[in-house]
Amino acid sequence: MKSGGSLSIWFFIGISLAFNGAVICAAGIYELMYPPVNQVVLYNLHANVWWGAVLLVLGLFFSLRFSPARERARMAGNS
């Protein structure tokens, strides 16, 4: 095993954002299909769908941009 390698914290933040975004967006889609009986005032904006999608896209960007495989390929190209 190679020692001295490190992983970027942004990779793990990206995974966390993507997971939380997927859960929030899925809950929002479920709420669209089965609307609650007592709706909040701004229900028709569907904020959980939009913000869940934003978090999911941002998380995918970070996890792909700072992925260990990409960093390994970049380091191999510098050698």
PDB file of N, CA and C in Angstrom:
ATOM      1  N   MET A   1       0.837  -1.179   0.000  1.00  0.00           N
ATOM      2  CA  MET A   1       0.000   0.000   0.000  1.00  0.00           C
ATOM      3  C   MET A   1       0.879   1.238   0.000  1.00  0.00           C
ATOM      4  N   LYS A   2       0.543   2.180  -0.819  1.00  0.00           N
ATOM      5  CA  LYS A   2       1.314   3.407  -0.940  1.00  0.00           C
ATOM      6  C   LYS A   2       1.030   4.311   0.251  1.00  0.00           C
ATOM      7  N   SER A   3       2.069   4.816   0.860  1.00  0.00           N
ATOM      8  CA  SER A   3       1.864   5.719   1.993  1.00  0.00           C
ATOM      9  C   SER A   3       2.063   7.156   1.545  1.00  0.00           C
ATOM     10  N   GLY A   4       1.505   8.069   2.289  1.00  0.00           N
ATOM     11  CA  GLY A   4       1.672   9.475   1.988  1.00  0.00           C
ATOM     12  C   GLY A   4       0.563  10.059   1.126  1.00  0.00           C
ATOM     13  N   GLY A   5      -0.337   9.239   0.643  1.00  0.00           N
ATOM     14  CA  GLY A   5      -1.439   9.748  -0.164  1.00  0.00           C
ATOM     15  C   GLY A   5      -2.494  10.387   0.717  1.00  0.00           C
ATOM     16  N   SER A   6      -3.154  11.384   0.176  1.00  0.00           N
ATOM     17  CA  SER A   6      -4.204  12.035   0.950  1.00  0.00           C
ATOM     18  C   SER A   6      -5.424  12.255   0.069  1.00  0.00           C
ATOM     19  N   LEU A   7      -6.562  12.340   0.698  1.00  0.00           N
ATOM     20  CA  LEU A   7      -7.814  12.591  -0.003  1.00  0.00           C
ATOM     21  C   LEU A   7      -8.280  13.996   0.323  1.00  0.00           C
ATOM     22  N   SER A   8      -8.842  14.637  -0.660  1.00  0.00           N
ATOM     23  CA  SER A   8      -9.348  15.985  -0.454  1.00  0.00           C
ATOM     24  C   SER A   8     -10.637  15.942   0.372  1.00  0.00           C
ATOM     25  N   ILE A   9     -10.771  16.877   1.283  1.00  0.00           N
ATOM     26  CA  ILE A   9     -11.982  16.968   2.090  1.00  0.00           C
ATOM     27  C   ILE A   9     -13.185  17.301   1.217  1.00  0.00           C
ATOM     28  N   TRP A  10     -12.952  17.967   0.084  1.00  0.00           N
ATOM     29  CA  TRP A  10     -14.046  18.354  -0.806  1.00  0.00           C
ATOM     30  C   TRP A  10     -14.704  17.144  -1.453  1.00  0.00           C
ATOM     31  N   PHE A  11     -13.974  16.050  -1.575  1.00  0.00           N
ATOM     32  CA  PHE A  11     -14.569  14.816  -2.087  1.00  0.00           C
ATOM     33  C   PHE A  11     -15.651  14.315  -1.128  1.00  0.00           C
ATOM     34  N   PHE A  12     -15.344  14.305   0.149  1.00  0.00           N
ATOM     35  CA  PHE A  12     -16.306  13.831   1.147  1.00  0.00           C
ATOM     36  C   PHE A  12     -17.458  14.825   1.340  1.00  0.00           C
ATOM     37  N   ILE A  13     -17.177  16.109   1.228  1.00  0.00           N
ATOM     38  CA  ILE A  13     -18.250  17.107   1.286  1.00  0.00           C
ATOM     39  C   ILE A  13     -19.183  16.923   0.101  1.00  0.00           C
ATOM     40  N   GLY A  14     -18.631  16.621  -1.072  1.00  0.00           N
ATOM     41  CA  GLY A  14     -19.442  16.362  -2.253  1.00  0.00           C
ATOM     42  C   GLY A  14     -20.339  15.153  -2.081  1.00  0.00           C
ATOM     43  N   ILE A  15     -19.812  14.093  -1.494  1.00  0.00           N
ATOM     44  CA  ILE A  15     -20.631  12.901  -1.242  1.00  0.00           C
ATOM     45  C   ILE A  15     -21.765  13.241  -0.284  1.00  0.00           C
ATOM     46  N   SER A  16     -21.454  13.985   0.762  1.00  0.00           N
ATOM     47  CA  SER A  16     -22.476  14.370   1.741  1.00  0.00           C
ATOM     48  C   SER A  16     -23.557  15.250   1.111  1.00  0.00           C
ATOM     49  N   LEU A  17     -23.145  16.237   0.324  1.00  0.00           N
ATOM     50  CA  LEU A  17     -24.120  17.108  -0.343  1.00  0.00           C
ATOM     51  C   LEU A  17     -24.991  16.321  -1.313  1.00  0.00           C
ATOM     52  N   ALA A  18     -24.384  15.421  -2.075  1.00  0.00           N
ATOM     53  CA  ALA A  18     -25.145  14.636  -3.051  1.00  0.00           C
ATOM     54  C   ALA A  18     -26.158  13.739  -2.350  1.00  0.00           C
ATOM     55  N   PHE A  19     -25.750  13.107  -1.261  1.00  0.00           N
ATOM     56  CA  PHE A  19     -26.673  12.226  -0.538  1.00  0.00           C
ATOM     57  C   PHE A  19     -27.832  13.016   0.064  1.00  0.00           C
ATOM     58  N   ASN A  20     -27.511  14.104   0.749  1.00  0.00           N
ATOM     59  CA  ASN A  20     -28.565  14.919   1.356  1.00  0.00           C
ATOM     60  C   ASN A  20     -29.471  15.535   0.297  1.00  0.00           C
ATOM     61  N   GLY A  21     -28.906  15.974  -0.822  1.00  0.00           N
ATOM     62  CA  GLY A  21     -29.706  16.526  -1.905  1.00  0.00           C
ATOM     63  C   GLY A  21     -30.653  15.497  -2.497  1.00  0.00           C
ATOM     64  N   ALA A  22     -30.178  14.261  -2.652  1.00  0.00           N
ATOM     65  CA  ALA A  22     -31.034  13.204  -3.188  1.00  0.00           C
ATOM     66  C   ALA A  22     -32.197  12.907  -2.241  1.00  0.00           C
ATOM     67  N   VAL A  23     -31.917  12.873  -0.944  1.00  0.00           N
ATOM     68  CA  VAL A  23     -32.973  12.601   0.031  1.00  0.00           C
ATOM     69  C   VAL A  23     -34.001  13.730   0.055  1.00  0.00           C
ATOM     70  N   ILE A  24     -33.532  14.972   0.061  1.00  0.00           N
ATOM     71  CA  ILE A  24     -34.445  16.127   0.099  1.00  0.00           C
ATOM     72  C   ILE A  24     -35.274  16.195  -1.174  1.00  0.00           C
ATOM     73  N   CYS A  25     -34.642  15.977  -2.319  1.00  0.00           N
ATOM     74  CA  CYS A  25     -35.355  16.026  -3.594  1.00  0.00           C
ATOM     75  C   CYS A  25     -36.378  14.896  -3.687  1.00  0.00           C
ATOM     76  N   ALA A  26     -36.016  13.712  -3.229  1.00  0.00           N
ATOM     77  CA  ALA A  26     -36.952  12.589  -3.245  1.00  0.00           C
ATOM     78  C   ALA A  26     -38.149  12.859  -2.333  1.00  0.00           C
ATOM     79  N   ALA A  27     -37.901  13.455  -1.179  1.00  0.00           N
ATOM     80  CA  ALA A  27     -39.004  13.807  -0.287  1.00  0.00           C
ATOM     81  C   ALA A  27     -39.911  14.857  -0.922  1.00  0.00           C
ATOM     82  N   GLY A  28     -39.311  15.796  -1.647  1.00  0.00           N
ATOM     83  CA  GLY A  28     -40.107  16.815  -2.336  1.00  0.00           C
ATOM     84  C   GLY A  28     -40.946  16.227  -3.456  1.00  0.00           C
ATOM     85  N   ILE A  29     -40.387  15.283  -4.200  1.00  0.00           N
ATOM     86  CA  ILE A  29     -41.149  14.635  -5.272  1.00  0.00           C
ATOM     87  C   ILE A  29     -42.285  13.809  -4.693  1.00  0.00           C
ATOM     88  N   TYR A  30     -42.006  13.124  -3.582  1.00  0.00           N
ATOM     89  CA  TYR A  30     -43.064  12.375  -2.915  1.00  0.00           C
ATOM     90  C   TYR A  30     -44.180  13.315  -2.458  1.00  0.00           C
ATOM     91  N   GLU A  31     -43.795  14.488  -1.951  1.00  0.00           N
ATOM     92  CA  GLU A  31     -44.784  15.471  -1.505  1.00  0.00           C
ATOM     93  C   GLU A  31     -45.591  16.036  -2.671  1.00  0.00           C
ATOM     94  N   LEU A  32     -44.980  16.104  -3.854  1.00  0.00           N
ATOM     95  CA  LEU A  32     -45.715  16.535  -5.041  1.00  0.00           C
ATOM     96  C   LEU A  32     -46.773  15.507  -5.444  1.00  0.00           C
ATOM     97  N   MET A  33     -46.411  14.236  -5.333  1.00  0.00           N
ATOM     98  CA  MET A  33     -47.341  13.176  -5.730  1.00  0.00           C
ATOM     99  C   MET A  33     -48.452  12.995  -4.707  1.00  0.00           C
ATOM    100  N   TYR A  34     -48.138  13.170  -3.437  1.00  0.00           N
ATOM    101  CA  TYR A  34     -49.108  13.023  -2.352  1.00  0.00           C
ATOM    102  C   TYR A  34     -49.095  14.291  -1.504  1.00  0.00           C
ATOM    103  N   PRO A  35     -49.795  15.352  -1.931  1.00  0.00           N
ATOM    104  CA  PRO A  35     -49.756  16.626  -1.207  1.00  0.00           C
ATOM    105  C   PRO A  35     -50.319  16.491   0.215  1.00  0.00           C
ATOM    106  N   PRO A  36     -49.748  17.247   1.146  1.00  0.00           N
ATOM    107  CA  PRO A  36     -50.242  17.202   2.520  1.00  0.00           C
ATOM    108  C   PRO A  36     -51.620  17.849   2.629  1.00  0.00           C
ATOM    109  N   VAL A  37     -52.368  17.455   3.637  1.00  0.00           N
ATOM    110  CA  VAL A  37     -53.700  18.010   3.846  1.00  0.00           C
ATOM    111  C   VAL A  37     -53.602  19.483   4.220  1.00  0.00           C
ATOM    112  N   ASN A  38     -52.732  19.789   5.164  1.00  0.00           N
ATOM    113  CA  ASN A  38     -52.523  21.175   5.592  1.00  0.00           C
ATOM    114  C   ASN A  38     -51.242  21.693   4.957  1.00  0.00           C
ATOM    115  N   GLN A  39     -51.385  22.456   3.887  1.00  0.00           N
ATOM    116  CA  GLN A  39     -50.218  22.958   3.170  1.00  0.00           C
ATOM    117  C   GLN A  39     -49.720  24.255   3.792  1.00  0.00           C
ATOM    118  N   VAL A  40     -48.406  24.433   3.736  1.00  0.00           N
ATOM    119  CA  VAL A  40     -47.822  25.680   4.212  1.00  0.00           C
ATOM    120  C   VAL A  40     -48.083  26.781   3.188  1.00  0.00           C
ATOM    121  N   VAL A  41     -47.822  28.015   3.558  1.00  0.00           N
ATOM    122  CA  VAL A  41     -48.186  29.164   2.727  1.00  0.00           C
ATOM    123  C   VAL A  41     -47.493  29.117   1.357  1.00  0.00           C
ATOM    124  N   LEU A  42     -46.207  28.824   1.331  1.00  0.00           N
ATOM    125  CA  LEU A  42     -45.450  28.836   0.075  1.00  0.00           C
ATOM    126  C   LEU A  42     -45.265  27.426  -0.509  1.00  0.00           C
ATOM    127  N   TYR A  43     -46.251  26.560  -0.314  1.00  0.00           N
ATOM    128  CA  TYR A  43     -46.162  25.182  -0.793  1.00  0.00           C
ATOM    129  C   TYR A  43     -45.955  25.110  -2.298  1.00  0.00           C
ATOM    130  N   ASN A  44     -46.603  26.000  -3.043  1.00  0.00           N
ATOM    131  CA  ASN A  44     -46.566  25.907  -4.498  1.00  0.00           C
ATOM    132  C   ASN A  44     -45.203  26.287  -5.090  1.00  0.00           C
ATOM    133  N   LEU A  45     -44.244  26.740  -4.282  1.00  0.00           N
ATOM    134  CA  LEU A  45     -42.892  26.998  -4.785  1.00  0.00           C
ATOM    135  C   LEU A  45     -42.044  25.726  -4.854  1.00  0.00           C
ATOM    136  N   HIS A  46     -42.413  24.701  -4.075  1.00  0.00           N
ATOM    137  CA  HIS A  46     -41.728  23.398  -4.042  1.00  0.00           C
ATOM    138  C   HIS A  46     -40.229  23.567  -3.780  1.00  0.00           C
ATOM    139  N   ALA A  47     -39.928  24.272  -2.712  1.00  0.00           N
ATOM    140  CA  ALA A  47     -38.531  24.593  -2.378  1.00  0.00           C
ATOM    141  C   ALA A  47     -37.694  23.346  -2.136  1.00  0.00           C
ATOM    142  N   ASN A  48     -38.282  22.307  -1.554  1.00  0.00           N
ATOM    143  CA  ASN A  48     -37.483  21.116  -1.275  1.00  0.00           C
ATOM    144  C   ASN A  48     -37.050  20.407  -2.559  1.00  0.00           C
ATOM    145  N   VAL A  49     -37.855  20.477  -3.604  1.00  0.00           N
ATOM    146  CA  VAL A  49     -37.444  19.882  -4.877  1.00  0.00           C
ATOM    147  C   VAL A  49     -36.292  20.679  -5.478  1.00  0.00           C
ATOM    148  N   TRP A  50     -36.421  22.003  -5.500  1.00  0.00           N
ATOM    149  CA  TRP A  50     -35.395  22.841  -6.103  1.00  0.00           C
ATOM    150  C   TRP A  50     -34.084  22.799  -5.328  1.00  0.00           C
ATOM    151  N   TRP A  51     -34.157  22.973  -4.017  1.00  0.00           N
ATOM    152  CA  TRP A  51     -32.927  22.972  -3.234  1.00  0.00           C
ATOM    153  C   TRP A  51     -32.310  21.585  -3.161  1.00  0.00           C
ATOM    154  N   GLY A  52     -33.125  20.560  -3.161  1.00  0.00           N
ATOM    155  CA  GLY A  52     -32.577  19.199  -3.221  1.00  0.00           C
ATOM    156  C   GLY A  52     -31.825  18.964  -4.518  1.00  0.00           C
ATOM    157  N   ALA A  53     -32.380  19.449  -5.621  1.00  0.00           N
ATOM    158  CA  ALA A  53     -31.702  19.301  -6.912  1.00  0.00           C
ATOM    159  C   ALA A  53     -30.408  20.113  -6.957  1.00  0.00           C
ATOM    160  N   VAL A  54     -30.421  21.314  -6.383  1.00  0.00           N
ATOM    161  CA  VAL A  54     -29.212  22.137  -6.346  1.00  0.00           C
ATOM    162  C   VAL A  54     -28.122  21.446  -5.522  1.00  0.00           C
ATOM    163  N   LEU A  55     -28.489  20.925  -4.361  1.00  0.00           N
ATOM    164  CA  LEU A  55     -27.516  20.216  -3.528  1.00  0.00           C
ATOM    165  C   LEU A  55     -26.987  18.970  -4.232  1.00  0.00           C
ATOM    166  N   LEU A  56     -27.865  18.249  -4.920  1.00  0.00           N
ATOM    167  CA  LEU A  56     -27.450  17.045  -5.628  1.00  0.00           C
ATOM    168  C   LEU A  56     -26.449  17.379  -6.734  1.00  0.00           C
ATOM    169  N   VAL A  57     -26.731  18.381  -7.526  1.00  0.00           N
ATOM    170  CA  VAL A  57     -25.824  18.773  -8.617  1.00  0.00           C
ATOM    171  C   VAL A  57     -24.497  19.282  -8.060  1.00  0.00           C
ATOM    172  N   LEU A  58     -24.552  20.097  -7.035  1.00  0.00           N
ATOM    173  CA  LEU A  58     -23.334  20.619  -6.426  1.00  0.00           C
ATOM    174  C   LEU A  58     -22.499  19.492  -5.818  1.00  0.00           C
ATOM    175  N   GLY A  59     -23.172  18.560  -5.162  1.00  0.00           N
ATOM    176  CA  GLY A  59     -22.459  17.418  -4.582  1.00  0.00           C
ATOM    177  C   GLY A  59     -21.825  16.534  -5.634  1.00  0.00           C
ATOM    178  N   LEU A  60     -22.527  16.307  -6.740  1.00  0.00           N
ATOM    179  CA  LEU A  60     -21.940  15.517  -7.824  1.00  0.00           C
ATOM    180  C   LEU A  60     -20.740  16.230  -8.437  1.00  0.00           C
ATOM    181  N   PHE A  61     -20.839  17.545  -8.576  1.00  0.00           N
ATOM    182  CA  PHE A  61     -19.713  18.315  -9.105  1.00  0.00           C
ATOM    183  C   PHE A  61     -18.484  18.166  -8.215  1.00  0.00           C
ATOM    184  N   PHE A  62     -18.663  18.374  -6.908  1.00  0.00           N
ATOM    185  CA  PHE A  62     -17.527  18.282  -5.997  1.00  0.00           C
ATOM    186  C   PHE A  62     -16.956  16.870  -5.943  1.00  0.00           C
ATOM    187  N   SER A  63     -17.812  15.859  -5.878  1.00  0.00           N
ATOM    188  CA  SER A  63     -17.298  14.497  -5.755  1.00  0.00           C
ATOM    189  C   SER A  63     -16.619  14.032  -7.038  1.00  0.00           C
ATOM    190  N   LEU A  64     -17.052  14.516  -8.195  1.00  0.00           N
ATOM    191  CA  LEU A  64     -16.366  14.154  -9.434  1.00  0.00           C
ATOM    192  C   LEU A  64     -15.098  14.979  -9.636  1.00  0.00           C
ATOM    193  N   ARG A  65     -15.150  16.242  -9.289  1.00  0.00           N
ATOM    194  CA  ARG A  65     -13.995  17.127  -9.472  1.00  0.00           C
ATOM    195  C   ARG A  65     -12.828  16.732  -8.575  1.00  0.00           C
ATOM    196  N   PHE A  66     -13.106  16.314  -7.361  1.00  0.00           N
ATOM    197  CA  PHE A  66     -12.056  15.976  -6.409  1.00  0.00           C
ATOM    198  C   PHE A  66     -11.988  14.482  -6.128  1.00  0.00           C
ATOM    199  N   SER A  67     -12.394  13.645  -7.078  1.00  0.00           N
ATOM    200  CA  SER A  67     -12.392  12.198  -6.855  1.00  0.00           C
ATOM    201  C   SER A  67     -10.962  11.674  -6.763  1.00  0.00           C
ATOM    202  N   PRO A  68     -10.746  10.641  -5.966  1.00  0.00           N
ATOM    203  CA  PRO A  68      -9.391  10.087  -5.828  1.00  0.00           C
ATOM    204  C   PRO A  68      -8.842   9.555  -7.158  1.00  0.00           C
ATOM    205  N   ALA A  69      -9.680   8.990  -8.002  1.00  0.00           N
ATOM    206  CA  ALA A  69      -9.203   8.470  -9.285  1.00  0.00           C
ATOM    207  C   ALA A  69      -8.683   9.604 -10.170  1.00  0.00           C
ATOM    208  N   ARG A  70      -9.375  10.721 -10.152  1.00  0.00           N
ATOM    209  CA  ARG A  70      -8.935  11.863 -10.958  1.00  0.00           C
ATOM    210  C   ARG A  70      -7.626  12.441 -10.425  1.00  0.00           C
ATOM    211  N   GLU A  71      -7.506  12.511  -9.121  1.00  0.00           N
ATOM    212  CA  GLU A  71      -6.265  13.000  -8.515  1.00  0.00           C
ATOM    213  C   GLU A  71      -5.096  12.067  -8.826  1.00  0.00           C
ATOM    214  N   ARG A  72      -5.357  10.744  -8.788  1.00  0.00           N
ATOM    215  CA  ARG A  72      -4.319   9.772  -9.112  1.00  0.00           C
ATOM    216  C   ARG A  72      -3.857   9.927 -10.549  1.00  0.00           C
ATOM    217  N   ALA A  73      -4.819  10.124 -11.466  1.00  0.00           N
ATOM    218  CA  ALA A  73      -4.481  10.302 -12.882  1.00  0.00           C
ATOM    219  C   ALA A  73      -3.693  11.593 -13.093  1.00  0.00           C
ATOM    220  N   ARG A  74      -4.045  12.620 -12.361  1.00  0.00           N
ATOM    221  CA  ARG A  74      -3.322  13.890 -12.478  1.00  0.00           C
ATOM    222  C   ARG A  74      -1.906  13.755 -11.966  1.00  0.00           C
ATOM    223  N   MET A  75      -1.737  13.031 -10.862  1.00  0.00           N
ATOM    224  CA  MET A  75      -0.399  12.835 -10.308  1.00  0.00           C
ATOM    225  C   MET A  75       0.448  11.945 -11.220  1.00  0.00           C
ATOM    226  N   ALA A  76      -0.161  10.950 -11.837  1.00  0.00           N
ATOM    227  CA  ALA A  76       0.582  10.074 -12.750  1.00  0.00           C
ATOM    228  C   ALA A  76       1.019  10.842 -13.985  1.00  0.00           C
ATOM    229  N   GLY A  77       0.247  11.817 -14.422  1.00  0.00           N
ATOM    230  CA  GLY A  77       0.616  12.619 -15.579  1.00  0.00           C
ATOM    231  C   GLY A  77       1.769  13.556 -15.293  1.00  0.00           C
ATOM    232  N   ASN A  78       1.933  13.942 -14.033  1.00  0.00           N
ATOM    233  CA  ASN A  78       3.021  14.859 -13.662  1.00  0.00           C
ATOM    234  C   ASN A  78       4.359  14.145 -13.536  1.00  0.00           C
ATOM    235  N   SER A  79       4.343  12.826 -13.389  1.00  0.00           N
ATOM    236  CA  SER A  79       5.600  12.075 -13.177  1.00  0.00           C
ATOM    237  C   SER A  79       6.402  11.942 -14.432  1.00  0.00           C
TER     238      SER A  79
END
